[in-house]
Amino acid sequence: METEQSPEEGWQGDVFRVLKDHGVKYIVYVPDAGHSTALRLAEADSEVQAVVLTTEEEGIGYLAGAWLGGERGALLMQSSGVGNCINTRALQSCARFPC
């Protein structure tokens, strides 16, 4: 299913479309103004489950479960979020699931 892009979406709409084109069914995120367009598109799409997190670390576990269940997911975060979940990234590395 192809979504139509409005001029104000720009790169943020492109992020959502690329994820969707690659079969991502779960988009997990800590609320962030920078990703607001992609998040709004995800929340409006019936084929994508948008999941609000309280911390980025939760996203690693959520995506591990999605992968084990045969689904693809993506964690959207600000650059500072990478530092917040550095320890839980070991789970992703050891289990070798995409993230």
C-alpha atoms as a PDB file:
ATOM      1  CA  MET A   1       0.000   0.000   0.000  1.00  0.00           C
ATOM      2  CA  GLU A   2       1.483   3.325  -1.025  1.00  0.00           C
ATOM      3  CA  THR A   3       0.819   6.425   1.056  1.00  0.00           C
ATOM      4  CA  GLU A   4       0.614   9.864  -0.479  1.00  0.00           C
ATOM      5  CA  GLN A   5       3.138  12.459   0.684  1.00  0.00           C
ATOM      6  CA  SER A   6       2.135  16.017   1.429  1.00  0.00           C
ATOM      7  CA  PRO A   7       4.768  18.699   0.755  1.00  0.00           C
ATOM      8  CA  GLU A   8       5.298  19.442   4.465  1.00  0.00           C
ATOM      9  CA  GLU A   9       6.230  15.837   5.308  1.00  0.00           C
ATOM     10  CA  GLY A  10       9.706  15.936   3.735  1.00  0.00           C
ATOM     11  CA  TRP A  11      12.342  13.530   5.044  1.00  0.00           C
ATOM     12  CA  GLN A  12      10.175  12.511   7.991  1.00  0.00           C
ATOM     13  CA  GLY A  13       7.531  11.090   5.685  1.00  0.00           C
ATOM     14  CA  ASP A  14      10.296   9.370   3.748  1.00  0.00           C
ATOM     15  CA  VAL A  15      11.464   7.665   6.968  1.00  0.00           C
ATOM     16  CA  PHE A  16       8.017   6.192   7.506  1.00  0.00           C
ATOM     17  CA  ARG A  17       7.635   5.078   3.891  1.00  0.00           C
ATOM     18  CA  VAL A  18      11.044   3.350   3.850  1.00  0.00           C
ATOM     19  CA  LEU A  19      10.197   1.471   7.049  1.00  0.00           C
ATOM     20  CA  LYS A  20       6.827   0.432   5.688  1.00  0.00           C
ATOM     21  CA  ASP A  21       8.306  -0.605   2.319  1.00  0.00           C
ATOM     22  CA  HIS A  22      10.679  -2.914   4.224  1.00  0.00           C
ATOM     23  CA  GLY A  23       7.899  -4.693   6.090  1.00  0.00           C
ATOM     24  CA  VAL A  24       8.195  -2.939   9.453  1.00  0.00           C
ATOM     25  CA  LYS A  25       5.009  -3.667  11.417  1.00  0.00           C
ATOM     26  CA  TYR A  26       6.007  -2.123  14.770  1.00  0.00           C
ATOM     27  CA  ILE A  27       7.403   1.348  15.324  1.00  0.00           C
ATOM     28  CA  VAL A  28       8.376   1.926  18.925  1.00  0.00           C
ATOM     29  CA  TYR A  29       9.421   5.341  20.189  1.00  0.00           C
ATOM     30  CA  VAL A  30       9.881   7.815  22.997  1.00  0.00           C
ATOM     31  CA  PRO A  31       7.874  10.914  21.975  1.00  0.00           C
ATOM     32  CA  ASP A  32      10.061  13.267  19.954  1.00  0.00           C
ATOM     33  CA  ALA A  33       9.181  16.362  17.949  1.00  0.00           C
ATOM     34  CA  GLY A  34      11.820  15.553  15.322  1.00  0.00           C
ATOM     35  CA  HIS A  35      10.058  12.329  14.340  1.00  0.00           C
ATOM     36  CA  SER A  36       6.530  13.689  14.792  1.00  0.00           C
ATOM     37  CA  THR A  37       5.524  13.361  11.133  1.00  0.00           C
ATOM     38  CA  ALA A  38       6.712   9.757  10.866  1.00  0.00           C
ATOM     39  CA  LEU A  39       5.010   8.960  14.174  1.00  0.00           C
ATOM     40  CA  ARG A  40       1.747  10.574  13.102  1.00  0.00           C
ATOM     41  CA  LEU A  41       1.809   8.554   9.868  1.00  0.00           C
ATOM     42  CA  ALA A  42       2.525   5.352  11.797  1.00  0.00           C
ATOM     43  CA  GLU A  43      -0.316   5.984  14.238  1.00  0.00           C
ATOM     44  CA  ALA A  44      -2.726   6.610  11.345  1.00  0.00           C
ATOM     45  CA  ASP A  45      -1.725   3.444   9.462  1.00  0.00           C
ATOM     46  CA  SER A  46      -3.786   0.344  10.263  1.00  0.00           C
ATOM     47  CA  GLU A  47      -0.959  -1.981   9.146  1.00  0.00           C
ATOM     48  CA  VAL A  48       1.591  -0.514  11.573  1.00  0.00           C
ATOM     49  CA  GLN A  49       1.501  -0.674  15.364  1.00  0.00           C
ATOM     50  CA  ALA A  50       2.939   2.493  16.904  1.00  0.00           C
ATOM     51  CA  VAL A  51       4.014   1.901  20.511  1.00  0.00           C
ATOM     52  CA  VAL A  52       4.887   4.715  22.905  1.00  0.00           C
ATOM     53  CA  LEU A  53       7.734   3.922  25.318  1.00  0.00           C
ATOM     54  CA  THR A  54       8.863   5.592  28.517  1.00  0.00           C
ATOM     55  CA  THR A  55      12.551   4.805  27.843  1.00  0.00           C
ATOM     56  CA  GLU A  56      14.541   3.691  24.813  1.00  0.00           C
ATOM     57  CA  GLU A  57      15.639   0.543  26.665  1.00  0.00           C
ATOM     58  CA  GLU A  58      12.073  -0.770  26.529  1.00  0.00           C
ATOM     59  CA  GLY A  59      12.234  -0.605  22.756  1.00  0.00           C
ATOM     60  CA  ILE A  60      15.068  -3.128  22.519  1.00  0.00           C
ATOM     61  CA  GLY A  61      13.049  -5.712  24.448  1.00  0.00           C
ATOM     62  CA  TYR A  62       9.904  -4.964  22.474  1.00  0.00           C
ATOM     63  CA  LEU A  63      11.706  -5.400  19.168  1.00  0.00           C
ATOM     64  CA  ALA A  64      13.310  -8.635  20.378  1.00  0.00           C
ATOM     65  CA  GLY A  65       9.830 -10.008  21.025  1.00  0.00           C
ATOM     66  CA  ALA A  66       8.555  -8.815  17.653  1.00  0.00           C
ATOM     67  CA  TRP A  67      11.492 -10.495  15.878  1.00  0.00           C
ATOM     68  CA  LEU A  68      10.960 -13.745  17.782  1.00  0.00           C
ATOM     69  CA  GLY A  69       7.326 -13.566  16.672  1.00  0.00           C
ATOM     70  CA  GLY A  70       8.386 -13.223  13.041  1.00  0.00           C
ATOM     71  CA  GLU A  71       7.712  -9.493  12.655  1.00  0.00           C
ATOM     72  CA  ARG A  72       9.945  -6.532  11.872  1.00  0.00           C
ATOM     73  CA  GLY A  73      10.121  -3.428  13.995  1.00  0.00           C
ATOM     74  CA  ALA A  74      12.030  -0.184  14.303  1.00  0.00           C
ATOM     75  CA  LEU A  75      13.024   1.965  17.269  1.00  0.00           C
ATOM     76  CA  LEU A  76      12.919   5.689  16.521  1.00  0.00           C
ATOM     77  CA  MET A  77      14.954   7.805  18.907  1.00  0.00           C
ATOM     78  CA  GLN A  78      16.919  10.993  19.238  1.00  0.00           C
ATOM     79  CA  SER A  79      20.687  10.735  19.176  1.00  0.00           C
ATOM     80  CA  SER A  80      20.745  11.043  22.982  1.00  0.00           C
ATOM     81  CA  GLY A  81      18.568   7.931  23.172  1.00  0.00           C
ATOM     82  CA  VAL A  82      21.435   5.762  21.929  1.00  0.00           C
ATOM     83  CA  GLY A  83      23.348   6.452  25.126  1.00  0.00           C
ATOM     84  CA  ASN A  84      20.256   5.686  27.181  1.00  0.00           C
ATOM     85  CA  CYS A  85      19.990   2.137  25.840  1.00  0.00           C
ATOM     86  CA  ILE A  86      23.630   1.176  25.374  1.00  0.00           C
ATOM     87  CA  ASN A  87      23.465  -1.648  27.943  1.00  0.00           C
ATOM     88  CA  THR A  88      20.316  -3.193  26.474  1.00  0.00           C
ATOM     89  CA  ARG A  89      21.878  -3.090  23.017  1.00  0.00           C
ATOM     90  CA  ALA A  90      23.918  -6.071  24.242  1.00  0.00           C
ATOM     91  CA  LEU A  91      20.688  -8.130  24.024  1.00  0.00           C
ATOM     92  CA  GLN A  92      20.352  -7.227  20.370  1.00  0.00           C
ATOM     93  CA  SER A  93      23.994  -7.984  19.717  1.00  0.00           C
ATOM     94  CA  CYS A  94      23.986 -11.355  21.497  1.00  0.00           C
ATOM     95  CA  ALA A  95      20.665 -12.497  20.030  1.00  0.00           C
ATOM     96  CA  ARG A  96      21.620 -11.140  16.591  1.00  0.00           C
ATOM     97  CA  PHE A  97      18.257  -9.690  15.686  1.00  0.00           C
ATOM     98  CA  PRO A  98      18.048  -6.587  13.490  1.00  0.00           C
ATOM     99  CA  CYS A  99      17.489  -3.276  15.173  1.00  0.00           C
END
